[in-house]
Amino acid sequence: MLVSAKEMLEKARAGHYAVGQFNINNLEWTKAILLAAQENNSPVILGVSEGAGKYMTGYKTVVGMVNGMLEELNITVPVALHLDHGGYEGCMKCIEAGFSSIMYDGSHSPIEENVANTKELVKICAEKGMSLEAEVGSIGGEEDGVVGMGECADPQECKRIADLGVTMLAAGIGNIHGKYPANWKGLSFETLEAIKSLTGDMPLVLHGGTGIPEDMIKKAIDLGVAKINVNTECQLSFAAATREYIEAGKDQQGKGYDPRKLLAPGTEAIKATVVEKMELFGSINKA
């Protein structure tokens, strides 16, 4: 059964580890992430961007697939199904479809509009027992076609949104979606400390977890980051394993073209990447 991310993140923050949000794109992705979580006794958050939701034909399809897998694979660890970077309408659709968690990204709107929409969603999520993530200050890099430069959020604005009663807060601290450029300046721990001092026990979220050095990840966790989003890294490992399979000509041997065989190495590669991240985040055996 899907659960809200609230309890798993509060436990993570108190225990100085982080729960990974791994974005899903299809059946293989979902299966690999759920099996990695179950085998390593780790809580997990499945992230779905609006683009991936459309690709999978809609949020109801996603909910049906995930709920079916939880049952058929006998998944007993806590699993949250979370909308990643949702607009207000996307959030409403996911609430209706049966997601257990949503992220309202009002970071591109004026702060007043962000506050008004967040208030409304806080109320609905509380009634339905769902968790709600809010974002302040845009995260850099490319996210569904929008490119930003790794800005830092205003800690006062973070406090204002946190005080509305959201479950978790994503704040820009110089992090970027996708691959990090060679001239990246690193995370701003000053900003993170300022946000933490104003938002207290609020679990903080780090977007763009691909390519941040391990020591920075560990320091961010120590400073209150309880959820880390990973997407690009799983895509890269899936692509590399699939390329290797085809370049070795395995798709031309026997029934190697069968999609179950063709996609197997990539699926295993996603699983290995997820386990590696769970080790780094410290969530193994924390279910």
Protein backbone atom coordinates (compact mmCIF):
# COMPACT_ATOMS: atom_id res chain seq x y z
CA MET A 1 0.00 0.00 0.00
CA LEU A 2 1.29 3.45 -0.89
CA VAL A 3 2.11 5.72 2.04
CA SER A 4 2.69 9.44 2.47
CA ALA A 5 6.37 10.43 2.61
CA LYS A 6 5.87 12.31 5.90
CA GLU A 7 6.80 9.59 8.38
CA MET A 8 9.74 8.19 6.37
CA LEU A 9 11.23 11.68 6.00
CA GLU A 10 10.78 12.65 9.64
CA LYS A 11 12.53 9.41 10.65
CA ALA A 12 15.30 10.10 8.13
CA ARG A 13 15.88 13.64 9.35
CA ALA A 14 16.00 12.51 12.98
CA GLY A 15 18.31 9.61 12.07
CA HIS A 16 20.65 11.68 9.86
CA TYR A 17 20.10 9.72 6.67
CA ALA A 18 18.10 10.51 3.51
CA VAL A 19 15.45 8.69 1.52
CA GLY A 20 16.02 8.58 -2.23
CA GLN A 21 13.41 9.70 -4.71
CA PHE A 22 14.04 7.78 -7.89
CA ASN A 23 12.10 8.93 -10.93
CA ILE A 24 10.24 6.29 -12.91
CA ASN A 25 9.70 6.25 -16.68
CA ASN A 26 8.16 2.85 -17.37
CA LEU A 27 7.64 -0.67 -16.04
CA GLU A 28 11.34 -1.58 -15.98
CA TRP A 29 12.27 1.50 -13.97
CA THR A 30 9.49 0.92 -11.44
CA LYS A 31 10.25 -2.77 -11.00
CA ALA A 32 14.02 -2.19 -10.60
CA ILE A 33 13.54 0.52 -7.95
CA LEU A 34 10.92 -1.41 -5.95
CA LEU A 35 13.03 -4.59 -5.93
CA ALA A 36 16.14 -2.65 -4.87
CA ALA A 37 14.18 -1.11 -1.98
CA GLN A 38 12.65 -4.42 -0.85
CA GLU A 39 15.92 -6.37 -1.05
CA ASN A 40 17.75 -3.70 0.94
CA ASN A 41 14.95 -3.01 3.41
CA SER A 42 14.91 0.69 2.47
CA PRO A 43 12.03 3.15 2.30
CA VAL A 44 11.71 4.68 -1.17
CA ILE A 45 9.94 7.44 -3.08
CA LEU A 46 8.94 6.90 -6.71
CA GLY A 47 9.03 10.23 -8.54
CA VAL A 48 6.91 10.98 -11.61
CA SER A 49 7.47 14.19 -13.56
CA GLU A 50 4.57 15.64 -15.53
CA GLY A 51 6.42 14.67 -18.73
CA ALA A 52 6.89 11.05 -17.58
CA GLY A 53 3.25 10.95 -16.47
CA LYS A 54 2.16 11.93 -19.99
CA TYR A 55 4.59 9.41 -21.50
CA MET A 56 3.06 6.63 -19.40
CA THR A 57 -0.36 7.73 -20.78
CA GLY A 58 -1.56 9.42 -17.57
CA TYR A 59 -1.43 9.35 -13.78
CA LYS A 60 -4.12 6.69 -13.39
CA THR A 61 -2.01 4.28 -15.46
CA VAL A 62 0.97 5.01 -13.19
CA VAL A 63 -1.05 4.44 -10.01
CA GLY A 64 -2.48 1.19 -11.41
CA MET A 65 0.96 -0.12 -12.35
CA VAL A 66 2.59 0.83 -9.04
CA ASN A 67 -0.25 -0.55 -6.88
CA GLY A 68 -0.24 -3.75 -8.91
CA MET A 69 3.50 -4.19 -8.43
CA LEU A 70 3.36 -3.55 -4.68
CA GLU A 71 0.94 -6.46 -4.44
CA GLU A 72 2.44 -8.86 -6.98
CA LEU A 73 6.05 -8.33 -5.84
CA ASN A 74 5.05 -8.49 -2.15
CA ILE A 75 6.63 -5.13 -1.37
CA THR A 76 6.51 -4.48 2.37
CA VAL A 77 8.89 -1.50 2.71
CA PRO A 78 7.32 2.01 2.79
CA VAL A 79 6.75 3.34 -0.75
CA ALA A 80 5.48 6.81 -1.62
CA LEU A 81 4.33 7.71 -5.14
CA HIS A 82 5.21 11.36 -5.67
CA LEU A 83 4.52 13.93 -8.37
CA ASP A 84 7.79 15.70 -9.19
CA HIS A 85 7.67 19.42 -10.11
CA GLY A 86 3.92 19.57 -10.54
CA GLY A 87 1.98 22.63 -11.56
CA TYR A 88 -1.25 23.34 -9.70
CA GLU A 89 -3.37 21.40 -12.24
CA GLY A 90 -0.95 18.47 -12.29
CA CYS A 91 -1.16 18.30 -8.49
CA MET A 92 -4.96 18.17 -8.65
CA LYS A 93 -4.86 15.36 -11.22
CA CYS A 94 -2.46 13.30 -9.08
CA ILE A 95 -4.58 13.79 -5.97
CA GLU A 96 -7.53 12.46 -7.94
CA ALA A 97 -5.55 9.56 -9.46
CA GLY A 98 -4.39 8.23 -6.08
CA PHE A 99 -0.80 9.43 -5.63
CA SER A 100 0.32 9.46 -1.98
CA SER A 101 2.53 12.54 -2.27
CA ILE A 102 2.87 15.60 -4.51
CA MET A 103 5.31 18.39 -5.15
CA TYR A 104 3.87 21.74 -6.04
CA ASP A 105 6.52 23.73 -7.84
CA GLY A 106 5.50 27.36 -7.56
CA SER A 107 9.09 28.55 -7.78
CA HIS A 108 8.52 30.21 -11.16
CA SER A 109 5.47 32.12 -9.91
CA PRO A 110 5.47 35.31 -7.83
CA ILE A 111 5.80 34.41 -4.12
CA GLU A 112 2.19 35.55 -3.42
CA GLU A 113 0.79 33.07 -5.96
CA ASN A 114 3.12 30.33 -4.67
CA VAL A 115 1.80 30.99 -1.12
CA ALA A 116 -1.89 31.01 -2.18
CA ASN A 117 -1.68 27.75 -4.14
CA THR A 118 0.45 26.06 -1.48
CA LYS A 119 -2.13 26.96 1.22
CA GLU A 120 -4.90 25.38 -0.84
CA LEU A 121 -2.87 22.20 -1.43
CA VAL A 122 -1.83 21.96 2.25
CA LYS A 123 -5.54 21.76 3.14
CA ILE A 124 -6.36 19.07 0.56
CA CYS A 125 -3.28 16.96 1.37
CA ALA A 126 -4.05 17.10 5.11
CA GLU A 127 -7.59 15.83 4.45
CA LYS A 128 -6.30 12.98 2.29
CA GLY A 129 -3.28 12.02 4.40
CA MET A 130 -0.86 12.91 1.60
CA SER A 131 2.55 14.58 1.86
CA LEU A 132 3.30 17.85 0.10
CA GLU A 133 6.63 19.19 -1.09
CA ALA A 134 7.05 22.86 -1.96
CA GLU A 135 9.88 24.59 -3.81
CA VAL A 136 11.42 27.98 -3.25
CA GLY A 137 14.05 29.49 -5.57
CA SER A 138 14.54 27.69 -8.86
CA ILE A 139 16.84 24.68 -9.08
CA GLY A 140 19.38 25.04 -11.90
CA GLY A 141 19.86 22.90 -14.97
CA GLU A 142 17.29 21.47 -17.33
CA GLU A 143 13.96 20.20 -16.04
CA ASP A 144 11.41 19.38 -18.76
CA GLY A 145 12.87 22.03 -21.04
CA VAL A 146 13.34 24.78 -18.44
CA VAL A 147 16.98 25.74 -17.88
CA GLY A 148 18.14 27.52 -14.70
CA MET A 149 21.60 28.28 -13.35
CA GLY A 150 21.73 26.81 -9.84
CA GLU A 151 20.43 29.78 -7.87
CA CYS A 152 20.11 29.92 -4.12
CA ALA A 153 16.76 30.34 -2.41
CA ASP A 154 15.96 33.22 -0.07
CA PRO A 155 15.85 31.70 3.46
CA GLN A 156 13.07 34.13 4.52
CA GLU A 157 10.88 32.97 1.61
CA CYS A 158 11.64 29.37 2.63
CA LYS A 159 10.38 30.10 6.14
CA ARG A 160 7.24 31.69 4.75
CA ILE A 161 6.39 28.60 2.69
CA ALA A 162 7.46 26.16 5.45
CA ASP A 163 5.15 27.91 7.92
CA LEU A 164 2.15 27.13 5.69
CA GLY A 165 2.36 23.52 6.84
CA VAL A 166 4.03 21.70 3.95
CA THR A 167 5.68 18.33 4.70
CA MET A 168 9.04 19.04 3.08
CA LEU A 169 10.81 21.86 1.36
CA ALA A 170 13.00 21.90 -1.75
CA ALA A 171 15.23 24.94 -1.75
CA GLY A 172 17.83 25.87 -4.34
CA ILE A 173 21.32 25.73 -2.81
CA GLY A 174 23.33 25.86 -6.03
CA ASN A 175 22.19 22.39 -7.14
CA ILE A 176 21.38 21.59 -10.76
CA HIS A 177 19.19 19.06 -12.60
CA GLY A 178 21.08 16.84 -15.04
CA LYS A 179 24.85 16.73 -15.49
CA TYR A 180 26.92 19.32 -13.60
CA PRO A 181 29.06 21.69 -15.70
CA ALA A 182 32.84 21.73 -15.20
CA ASN A 183 32.72 25.24 -13.69
CA TRP A 184 30.06 24.36 -11.06
CA LYS A 185 30.76 26.11 -7.76
CA GLY A 186 29.38 23.39 -5.47
CA LEU A 187 26.55 23.47 -2.96
CA SER A 188 26.04 26.54 -0.80
CA PHE A 189 26.08 25.16 2.74
CA GLU A 190 25.70 28.71 4.08
CA THR A 191 22.30 28.95 2.39
CA LEU A 192 21.37 25.47 3.64
CA GLU A 193 22.33 26.36 7.23
CA ALA A 194 20.36 29.62 7.05
CA ILE A 195 17.30 27.77 5.73
CA LYS A 196 17.59 25.09 8.41
CA SER A 197 17.89 27.65 11.20
CA LEU A 198 14.64 29.31 10.04
CA THR A 199 12.63 26.18 9.17
CA GLY A 200 13.57 24.05 12.20
CA ASP A 201 12.66 20.36 11.86
CA MET A 202 11.27 20.61 8.33
CA PRO A 203 12.78 17.81 6.19
CA LEU A 204 14.69 19.47 3.34
CA VAL A 205 14.93 18.14 -0.20
CA LEU A 206 17.94 18.14 -2.50
CA HIS A 207 17.06 18.07 -6.20
CA GLY A 208 19.60 17.15 -8.86
CA GLY A 209 21.36 14.43 -6.87
CA THR A 210 23.28 13.18 -9.92
CA GLY A 211 26.91 14.24 -9.89
CA ILE A 212 27.11 15.97 -6.51
CA PRO A 213 30.32 14.72 -4.80
CA GLU A 214 29.73 12.19 -2.00
CA ASP A 215 31.21 14.33 0.76
CA MET A 216 28.82 17.17 -0.17
CA ILE A 217 25.85 14.77 -0.12
CA LYS A 218 26.85 13.56 3.36
CA LYS A 219 27.28 17.10 4.65
CA ALA A 220 23.88 18.11 3.23
CA ILE A 221 22.28 15.14 5.04
CA ASP A 222 23.94 16.24 8.30
CA LEU A 223 22.44 19.69 7.79
CA GLY A 224 18.85 18.46 7.50
CA VAL A 225 18.43 17.15 3.94
CA ALA A 226 16.17 14.07 4.28
CA LYS A 227 15.17 13.47 0.65
CA ILE A 228 17.47 13.37 -2.36
CA ASN A 229 16.19 13.14 -5.94
CA VAL A 230 17.96 10.94 -8.47
CA ASN A 231 16.94 10.67 -12.10
CA THR A 232 19.70 11.30 -14.65
CA GLU A 233 22.07 8.74 -13.12
CA CYS A 234 19.59 5.89 -13.57
CA GLN A 235 19.00 6.97 -17.16
CA LEU A 236 22.73 7.02 -17.88
CA SER A 237 23.35 3.57 -16.39
CA PHE A 238 20.33 2.12 -18.22
CA ALA A 239 21.57 3.58 -21.53
CA ALA A 240 25.16 2.34 -21.01
CA ALA A 241 24.08 -1.24 -20.25
CA THR A 242 21.66 -1.30 -23.19
CA ARG A 243 24.34 0.06 -25.54
CA GLU A 244 26.79 -2.61 -24.38
CA TYR A 245 24.24 -5.38 -25.03
CA ILE A 246 23.54 -4.15 -28.57
CA GLU A 247 27.14 -3.36 -29.44
CA ALA A 248 28.10 -6.90 -28.39
CA GLY A 249 25.51 -8.09 -30.95
CA LYS A 250 23.52 -9.96 -28.27
CA ASP A 251 20.21 -8.78 -29.72
CA GLN A 252 21.10 -10.85 -32.83
CA GLN A 253 21.87 -14.06 -30.97
CA GLY A 254 18.97 -16.48 -30.51
CA LYS A 255 15.99 -14.56 -29.20
CA GLY A 256 18.13 -11.72 -27.91
CA TYR A 257 15.78 -9.23 -29.57
CA ASP A 258 12.96 -10.22 -27.17
CA PRO A 259 12.29 -7.04 -25.17
CA ARG A 260 12.47 -9.01 -21.92
CA LYS A 261 16.05 -9.94 -22.80
CA LEU A 262 16.94 -6.67 -24.49
CA LEU A 263 15.87 -4.56 -21.52
CA ALA A 264 17.18 -6.87 -18.79
CA PRO A 265 20.78 -5.53 -18.59
CA GLY A 266 19.52 -1.93 -18.39
CA THR A 267 17.01 -2.86 -15.69
CA GLU A 268 19.75 -4.53 -13.62
CA ALA A 269 21.91 -1.43 -14.12
CA ILE A 270 19.15 0.83 -12.74
CA LYS A 271 18.85 -1.50 -9.74
CA ALA A 272 22.60 -1.35 -9.08
CA THR A 273 22.57 2.46 -9.30
CA VAL A 274 19.64 2.67 -6.87
CA VAL A 275 21.37 0.38 -4.35
CA GLU A 276 24.56 2.44 -4.61
CA LYS A 277 22.56 5.61 -3.85
CA MET A 278 20.71 3.99 -0.95
CA GLU A 279 24.10 3.07 0.55
CA LEU A 280 25.34 6.64 0.14
CA PHE A 281 22.14 8.15 1.57
CA GLY A 282 22.18 5.73 4.52
CA SER A 283 18.63 4.41 4.01
CA ILE A 284 19.47 0.69 3.86
CA ASN A 285 17.77 -1.32 6.65
CA LYS A 286 15.80 1.77 7.71
CA ALA A 287 12.40 0.55 6.43
